Amino acid sequence: MRKIVKGRRFVARSAIALLAGATAAGFLAAPVASAAGVDGYAPEVAQSAVADMTEREGISPAAAIEILRTQNASVRTLDQISDKLGDRTAGVYLDAKGKPVVNVLDAATADEVRASGAEAKLVRHSTQALASAQSTLESVPAVTHTSIGLDPKTNQVVLSVSDAATGGDLAALLRTAHRLGDRVRVERVTGEMHLAILNGEAITGGGTRCSVGFNTNKGGQNYIVDAGHCTRVVSQWNVGPSQGASFPTNDYGLIRNTTGSAPGAVTLWNGSSQKISSHAAATVGQRIQKSGSTTRLTSGSVQRLNVTVNYSEGSVHQLIQTNALANPGDSGGCLFSGSVGLGITSGKGSGTSYYQPVGEALTAYGVTLNS
């Protein structure tokens, strides 16, 4: 769904939507100190994450804080195991306590995983088998307001079908899912899938509002990495001109930041900010935060990876799916976990939000995060 500035028509699309909107780059000037006991987290970010977990998961604040303390080390453990074992693993994720879990296909690999400090879970389907199933589903003509992504917790590919699903051949898609057996789970959802133009603080141009993504630089020039569906339709923003756009298929774009202000921190909407010191790939089960100019700071967790979302405007692949709140005007905004940048806000569904991995965008444009 795209938010249009006053005087333009507001166009709503339902379950999966793009989110557009805009202030200066989703970043404010100076980061604040880390919350006591939670390294890398600004106090407001830790408070938001704890509040989300206590309400959504019914755990105590102390247990929530322990998860935040645990998960960064767990992600590092999963990275090391994945590098070591390669395709002998069948997916990784964090459990409800933020501990590392590795899917394996045999007892010998399970022993190696346990020796490396993670829980081993014996599963039926290999990474290659699930990738083949996803590829088969994606070979069917796209059906708008559907998504296809990997759920390592259940060792399945999940086909989400909105009650607003249109276009293509839904019956053929469902028949294909049935033929793939228990490698695929069909999930019925409500509402549409929309683009969500916005990220961090708001930026405006051409009657459109989006949010700022991540401040970056190359050759002494500052740039903003943002949502491609934003930079594709607006050539000149209040913060500078668009320099690139990749959408659909991907959802990243580049804006040359001419404001003279480009701190490496995300606005928290109360005069403080969260420093972003690095970027990484997201992990299923990871507790995350999102900053955008409509819903501001929200929290949740990563639900699925490698998600294809079939928006009305086109299909986008390899997105991150979370349950953090996002709405129109949030497009381009930052997905992060404490001080680690993860993604750029692309769109939303019913109770879900979708993000372009930021690392792919940084590589595509040859830019680095500002410190």
Protein backbone atom coordinates (compact mmCIF):
# COMPACT_ATOMS: atom_id res chain seq x y z
CA MET A 1 0.00 0.00 0.00
CA ARG A 2 1.37 3.41 -0.94
CA LYS A 3 0.65 6.51 1.10
CA ILE A 4 0.10 9.61 -1.01
CA VAL A 5 0.69 13.09 0.37
CA LYS A 6 -2.30 15.47 0.80
CA GLY A 7 -4.01 16.29 -2.48
CA ARG A 8 -3.37 12.86 -4.01
CA ARG A 9 -5.62 9.84 -3.89
CA PHE A 10 -4.83 7.28 -1.16
CA VAL A 11 -4.60 3.91 -2.88
CA ALA A 12 -5.13 0.89 -0.61
CA ARG A 13 -4.31 -2.66 -1.68
CA SER A 14 -4.94 -5.33 1.09
CA ALA A 15 -2.91 -8.47 2.77
CA ILE A 16 0.56 -7.96 1.23
CA ALA A 17 1.31 -4.28 0.65
CA LEU A 18 4.21 -1.96 -0.10
CA LEU A 19 4.61 0.75 2.53
CA ALA A 20 5.58 4.25 1.41
CA GLY A 21 5.81 7.59 3.21
CA ALA A 22 9.00 10.06 4.55
CA THR A 23 11.65 12.72 7.45
CA ALA A 24 15.30 12.76 6.86
CA ALA A 25 16.79 9.26 6.51
CA GLY A 26 15.30 7.40 9.46
CA PHE A 27 18.35 8.36 11.47
CA LEU A 28 18.87 11.00 14.12
CA ALA A 29 22.03 12.67 15.20
CA ALA A 30 23.60 11.01 18.21
CA PRO A 31 23.20 7.45 19.46
CA VAL A 32 22.49 6.92 23.13
CA ALA A 33 24.26 4.64 25.57
CA SER A 34 23.53 0.91 25.68
CA ALA A 35 20.88 -0.33 28.05
CA ALA A 36 22.44 -1.72 31.21
CA GLY A 37 23.07 -5.44 30.81
CA VAL A 38 22.04 -5.59 27.13
CA ASP A 39 25.13 -4.83 25.07
CA GLY A 40 24.50 -2.94 21.85
CA TYR A 41 20.92 -1.91 22.70
CA ALA A 42 19.83 1.66 23.33
CA PRO A 43 17.60 1.75 26.44
CA GLU A 44 14.46 2.55 24.42
CA VAL A 45 15.12 -0.33 22.02
CA ALA A 46 15.63 -2.82 24.85
CA GLN A 47 12.45 -1.54 26.52
CA SER A 48 10.48 -1.92 23.28
CA ALA A 49 11.77 -5.46 22.76
CA VAL A 50 11.05 -6.47 26.36
CA ALA A 51 7.54 -5.00 26.23
CA ASP A 52 6.81 -6.83 22.99
CA MET A 53 8.01 -10.18 24.32
CA THR A 54 6.17 -9.90 27.63
CA GLU A 55 2.91 -9.08 25.85
CA ARG A 56 3.23 -11.37 22.82
CA GLU A 57 4.91 -14.37 24.49
CA GLY A 58 3.69 -14.05 28.09
CA ILE A 59 7.16 -14.15 29.63
CA SER A 60 8.63 -12.06 32.44
CA PRO A 61 10.77 -8.96 31.77
CA ALA A 62 13.75 -10.77 33.27
CA ALA A 63 13.30 -13.68 30.86
CA ALA A 64 12.96 -11.26 27.95
CA ILE A 65 16.20 -9.49 28.89
CA GLU A 66 17.98 -12.84 29.08
CA ILE A 67 16.83 -13.67 25.53
CA LEU A 68 18.29 -10.39 24.24
CA ARG A 69 21.56 -11.15 26.03
CA THR A 70 21.64 -14.66 24.57
CA GLN A 71 20.62 -14.26 20.95
CA ASN A 72 23.62 -12.41 19.52
CA ALA A 73 26.00 -15.14 20.72
CA SER A 74 23.55 -17.76 19.41
CA VAL A 75 23.53 -16.17 15.94
CA ARG A 76 27.34 -16.26 15.90
CA THR A 77 27.26 -19.94 16.87
CA LEU A 78 24.84 -20.72 14.04
CA ASP A 79 27.03 -18.86 11.54
CA GLN A 80 30.08 -20.88 12.62
CA ILE A 81 28.23 -24.20 12.44
CA SER A 82 26.75 -23.38 9.02
CA ASP A 83 30.18 -22.46 7.68
CA LYS A 84 31.67 -25.68 9.06
CA LEU A 85 28.96 -28.16 8.07
CA GLY A 86 27.59 -26.56 4.89
CA ASP A 87 24.81 -28.57 3.25
CA ARG A 88 24.96 -31.21 5.98
CA THR A 89 22.61 -28.92 7.87
CA ALA A 90 18.95 -28.43 6.87
CA GLY A 91 18.20 -24.99 8.27
CA VAL A 92 18.92 -23.06 11.47
CA TYR A 93 16.91 -20.91 13.87
CA LEU A 94 16.70 -19.56 17.41
CA ASP A 95 14.33 -21.24 19.87
CA ALA A 96 11.93 -19.45 22.22
CA LYS A 97 14.79 -18.72 24.64
CA GLY A 98 17.13 -17.39 21.95
CA LYS A 99 19.23 -20.56 21.92
CA PRO A 100 20.67 -21.95 18.64
CA VAL A 101 18.98 -24.90 16.89
CA VAL A 102 20.33 -26.70 13.81
CA ASN A 103 18.27 -29.05 11.65
CA VAL A 104 20.20 -32.19 10.63
CA LEU A 105 19.50 -35.34 8.63
CA ASP A 106 21.60 -37.91 10.50
CA ALA A 107 22.90 -38.80 13.96
CA ALA A 108 26.57 -38.20 13.17
CA THR A 109 25.93 -34.60 12.15
CA ALA A 110 23.73 -34.16 15.22
CA ASP A 111 26.68 -35.11 17.42
CA GLU A 112 28.88 -32.51 15.73
CA VAL A 113 26.23 -29.84 16.21
CA ARG A 114 25.90 -30.60 19.92
CA ALA A 115 29.67 -30.53 20.33
CA SER A 116 29.62 -27.02 18.79
CA GLY A 117 27.18 -25.71 21.39
CA ALA A 118 23.81 -25.88 19.62
CA GLU A 119 20.75 -28.09 19.84
CA ALA A 120 20.41 -30.61 17.01
CA LYS A 121 16.98 -31.44 15.57
CA LEU A 122 16.57 -34.45 13.27
CA VAL A 123 14.34 -33.55 10.31
CA ARG A 124 13.11 -35.23 7.14
CA HIS A 125 13.76 -32.72 4.39
CA SER A 126 17.12 -31.38 3.24
CA THR A 127 17.76 -27.76 2.33
CA GLN A 128 17.95 -28.83 -1.31
CA ALA A 129 14.59 -30.62 -1.11
CA LEU A 130 12.89 -27.55 0.34
CA ALA A 131 14.57 -25.24 -2.17
CA SER A 132 13.31 -27.48 -4.98
CA ALA A 133 9.78 -27.37 -3.56
CA GLN A 134 9.89 -23.57 -3.33
CA SER A 135 11.22 -23.31 -6.88
CA THR A 136 8.39 -25.55 -8.12
CA LEU A 137 5.77 -23.35 -6.44
CA GLU A 138 7.37 -20.21 -7.86
CA SER A 139 7.28 -21.70 -11.37
CA VAL A 140 3.47 -21.46 -11.29
CA PRO A 141 2.22 -18.07 -12.62
CA ALA A 142 2.23 -15.63 -9.71
CA VAL A 143 -0.99 -15.13 -7.78
CA THR A 144 -1.30 -11.66 -6.24
CA HIS A 145 -1.59 -11.54 -2.42
CA THR A 146 0.25 -14.80 -1.84
CA SER A 147 3.72 -15.46 -0.42
CA ILE A 148 6.10 -18.42 -0.37
CA GLY A 149 8.84 -18.76 2.25
CA LEU A 150 10.96 -21.13 4.30
CA ASP A 151 10.06 -22.09 7.88
CA PRO A 152 13.02 -24.01 9.37
CA LYS A 153 11.14 -24.54 12.65
CA THR A 154 8.75 -26.94 10.89
CA ASN A 155 11.16 -27.97 8.11
CA GLN A 156 8.67 -26.82 5.49
CA VAL A 157 8.02 -24.29 2.76
CA VAL A 158 4.95 -22.21 3.66
CA LEU A 159 2.51 -21.02 1.02
CA SER A 160 0.45 -18.16 2.50
CA VAL A 161 -2.76 -17.48 0.60
CA SER A 162 -4.76 -14.37 1.41
CA ASP A 163 -8.53 -14.26 1.12
CA ALA A 164 -7.84 -11.40 -1.31
CA ALA A 165 -5.66 -13.59 -3.59
CA THR A 166 -6.24 -12.68 -7.24
CA GLY A 167 -4.63 -13.10 -10.62
CA GLY A 168 -2.77 -16.09 -11.99
CA ASP A 169 -4.23 -19.54 -11.36
CA LEU A 170 -4.84 -20.07 -7.66
CA ALA A 171 -6.23 -23.56 -8.27
CA ALA A 172 -3.03 -24.57 -10.09
CA LEU A 173 -0.90 -23.16 -7.27
CA LEU A 174 -2.84 -25.13 -4.66
CA ARG A 175 -2.68 -28.32 -6.75
CA THR A 176 1.08 -27.92 -7.01
CA ALA A 177 1.38 -27.46 -3.25
CA HIS A 178 -0.66 -30.63 -2.69
CA ARG A 179 1.59 -32.63 -5.04
CA LEU A 180 4.65 -31.60 -3.02
CA GLY A 181 3.31 -33.35 0.07
CA ASP A 182 4.57 -32.45 3.52
CA ARG A 183 7.39 -30.32 2.15
CA VAL A 184 4.74 -27.58 1.80
CA ARG A 185 2.24 -26.19 4.29
CA VAL A 186 -0.64 -24.03 3.02
CA GLU A 187 -1.59 -21.20 5.36
CA ARG A 188 -4.74 -19.12 4.88
CA VAL A 189 -4.49 -15.45 5.88
CA THR A 190 -6.74 -12.40 5.68
CA GLY A 191 -6.20 -9.01 4.04
CA GLU A 192 -3.91 -7.93 1.23
CA MET A 193 -0.15 -7.77 0.85
CA HIS A 194 0.91 -4.16 0.28
CA LEU A 195 4.01 -2.11 -0.35
CA ALA A 196 4.83 0.05 2.68
CA ILE A 197 6.57 3.21 1.55
CA LEU A 198 8.58 4.53 4.62
CA ASN A 199 11.70 3.89 6.84
CA GLY A 200 12.98 5.59 9.92
CA GLU A 201 12.30 9.28 9.53
CA ALA A 202 10.09 10.46 6.68
CA ILE A 203 11.28 11.62 3.25
CA THR A 204 9.02 13.21 0.65
CA GLY A 205 9.05 13.78 -3.09
CA GLY A 206 6.62 13.82 -5.99
CA GLY A 207 3.61 13.61 -3.71
CA THR A 208 4.91 10.43 -2.05
CA ARG A 209 6.19 9.80 1.46
CA CYS A 210 8.64 7.03 2.39
CA SER A 211 10.96 6.43 5.34
CA VAL A 212 14.72 6.62 5.43
CA GLY A 213 16.62 3.37 5.40
CA PHE A 214 20.33 3.24 6.22
CA ASN A 215 22.85 6.08 5.88
CA THR A 216 25.85 4.90 3.88
CA ASN A 217 28.83 6.33 2.01
CA LYS A 218 31.04 5.74 -1.00
CA GLY A 219 34.02 7.81 -2.11
CA GLY A 220 33.29 10.55 0.42
CA GLN A 221 29.66 10.97 -0.71
CA ASN A 222 26.74 10.10 1.58
CA TYR A 223 23.88 7.96 0.28
CA ILE A 224 20.68 6.51 1.71
CA VAL A 225 19.91 2.88 0.95
CA ASP A 226 16.12 2.70 0.72
CA ALA A 227 13.22 0.74 -0.76
CA GLY A 228 13.39 0.34 -4.53
CA HIS A 229 9.65 0.80 -4.92
CA CYS A 230 10.15 4.28 -3.43
CA THR A 231 13.15 5.35 -5.52
CA ARG A 232 11.62 3.93 -8.69
CA VAL A 233 8.70 6.38 -8.65
CA VAL A 234 10.37 9.52 -7.21
CA SER A 235 13.39 11.14 -8.87
CA GLN A 236 13.92 13.98 -6.37
CA TRP A 237 13.41 13.70 -2.61
CA ASN A 238 13.67 16.41 0.02
CA VAL A 239 16.99 14.81 1.03
CA GLY A 240 18.46 14.41 -2.46
CA PRO A 241 17.99 12.70 -5.86
CA SER A 242 17.33 9.00 -6.47
CA GLN A 243 20.40 7.29 -7.93
CA GLY A 244 19.10 3.76 -8.48
CA ALA A 245 16.14 1.41 -8.08
CA SER A 246 15.71 -2.35 -8.25
CA PHE A 247 12.02 -3.30 -8.12
CA PRO A 248 10.28 -5.70 -8.59
CA THR A 249 12.34 -8.92 -8.10
CA ASN A 250 14.35 -6.97 -5.50
CA ASP A 251 13.23 -4.01 -3.41
CA TYR A 252 16.23 -1.74 -2.88
CA GLY A 253 17.20 1.67 -4.14
CA LEU A 254 19.74 4.45 -3.60
CA ILE A 255 19.35 8.17 -2.82
CA ARG A 256 22.24 10.65 -2.85
CA ASN A 257 22.05 12.39 0.53
CA THR A 258 22.71 16.10 0.04
CA THR A 259 21.55 17.27 3.49
CA GLY A 260 24.98 17.22 5.13
CA SER A 261 23.62 14.97 7.90
CA ALA A 262 24.08 11.19 7.72
CA PRO A 263 24.64 9.62 11.16
CA GLY A 264 24.87 5.84 11.48
CA ALA A 265 21.96 5.60 13.91
CA VAL A 266 18.21 4.94 13.75
CA THR A 267 15.69 7.41 15.14
CA LEU A 268 13.65 6.15 18.11
CA TRP A 269 11.13 9.01 17.85
CA ASN A 270 11.78 10.52 21.27
CA GLY A 271 14.93 12.54 20.59
CA SER A 272 17.24 9.53 21.04
CA SER A 273 18.61 6.97 18.62
CA GLN A 274 20.08 3.49 18.25
CA LYS A 275 23.60 3.22 16.84
CA ILE A 276 23.97 0.78 13.94
CA SER A 277 27.52 -0.57 13.95
CA SER A 278 27.26 -3.55 11.56
CA HIS A 279 24.94 -5.51 9.31
CA ALA A 280 24.16 -9.22 9.09
CA ALA A 281 21.72 -11.77 7.70
CA ALA A 282 18.55 -12.30 9.73
CA THR A 283 17.87 -15.56 11.61
CA VAL A 284 14.47 -17.17 12.15
CA GLY A 285 13.47 -16.66 15.79
CA GLN A 286 15.64 -13.55 16.18
CA ARG A 287 14.02 -10.70 18.13
CA ILE A 288 14.04 -7.57 16.00
CA GLN A 289 13.00 -3.91 15.89
CA LYS A 290 11.70 -1.68 13.10
CA SER A 291 11.73 2.10 12.81
CA GLY A 292 9.42 3.84 10.36
CA SER A 293 7.72 7.22 10.05
CA THR A 294 4.17 5.87 10.44
CA THR A 295 4.32 3.22 13.18
CA ARG A 296 7.66 4.47 14.55
CA LEU A 297 9.53 1.96 16.79
CA THR A 298 7.99 -1.51 16.86
CA SER A 299 9.34 -4.91 17.86
CA GLY A 300 8.77 -8.56 17.00
CA SER A 301 10.66 -11.59 15.72
CA VAL A 302 11.78 -13.11 12.42
CA GLN A 303 9.27 -15.71 11.20
CA ARG A 304 10.59 -16.82 7.79
CA LEU A 305 13.40 -16.21 5.34
CA ASN A 306 13.78 -16.37 1.56
CA VAL A 307 10.17 -15.26 1.17
CA THR A 308 8.67 -14.44 -2.23
CA VAL A 309 5.84 -11.90 -1.90
CA ASN A 310 3.46 -11.39 -4.81
CA TYR A 311 2.44 -7.73 -4.56
CA SER A 312 0.01 -6.20 -7.04
CA GLU A 313 2.98 -4.22 -8.39
CA GLY A 314 5.13 -7.33 -8.95
CA SER A 315 6.86 -10.19 -7.14
CA VAL A 316 9.83 -9.63 -4.82
CA HIS A 317 12.08 -12.51 -3.78
CA GLN A 318 14.28 -13.48 -0.80
CA LEU A 319 12.58 -11.20 1.70
CA ILE A 320 12.59 -11.43 5.51
CA GLN A 321 9.18 -11.95 7.14
CA THR A 322 8.51 -10.71 10.69
CA ASN A 323 5.51 -10.08 12.94
CA ALA A 324 6.57 -6.50 13.75
CA LEU A 325 3.96 -3.84 12.99
CA ALA A 326 4.44 -1.82 9.78
CA ASN A 327 1.98 0.34 7.87
CA PRO A 328 1.85 2.59 4.80
CA GLY A 329 4.56 5.25 5.01
CA ASP A 330 7.01 2.87 6.71
CA SER A 331 8.55 1.76 3.38
CA GLY A 332 12.31 2.02 3.29
CA GLY A 333 12.57 2.05 7.09
CA CYS A 334 15.16 0.11 9.07
CA LEU A 335 14.90 -3.45 10.36
CA PHE A 336 17.52 -4.06 13.02
CA SER A 337 18.41 -6.10 16.10
CA GLY A 338 20.09 -3.85 18.62
CA SER A 339 23.12 -2.37 16.84
CA VAL A 340 22.96 -4.80 13.88
CA GLY A 341 21.21 -3.69 10.67
CA LEU A 342 19.15 -6.41 8.96
CA GLY A 343 16.76 -5.06 6.34
CA ILE A 344 14.78 -2.37 4.53
CA THR A 345 11.00 -2.19 4.93
CA SER A 346 9.24 -3.43 1.80
CA GLY A 347 5.62 -4.25 2.63
CA LYS A 348 3.05 -5.72 4.95
CA GLY A 349 0.46 -8.44 5.20
CA SER A 350 -2.10 -9.28 7.86
CA GLY A 351 0.01 -9.35 11.03
CA THR A 352 3.23 -9.65 9.04
CA SER A 353 5.82 -7.31 7.54
CA TYR A 354 8.44 -7.91 4.83
CA TYR A 355 12.00 -6.62 4.44
CA GLN A 356 14.68 -6.54 1.77
CA PRO A 357 17.97 -7.84 3.30
CA VAL A 358 20.23 -4.80 3.63
CA GLY A 359 23.46 -6.67 2.83
CA GLU A 360 22.34 -7.34 -0.73
CA ALA A 361 21.62 -3.64 -1.27
CA LEU A 362 24.99 -2.56 0.18
CA THR A 363 26.80 -4.96 -2.14
CA ALA A 364 24.76 -3.94 -5.20
CA TYR A 365 25.67 -0.26 -4.80
CA GLY A 366 29.16 -0.69 -3.33
CA VAL A 367 28.37 1.44 -0.28
CA THR A 368 29.22 0.95 3.40
CA LEU A 369 27.24 1.79 6.51
CA ASN A 370 28.06 5.09 8.18
CA SER A 371 29.49 4.81 11.67
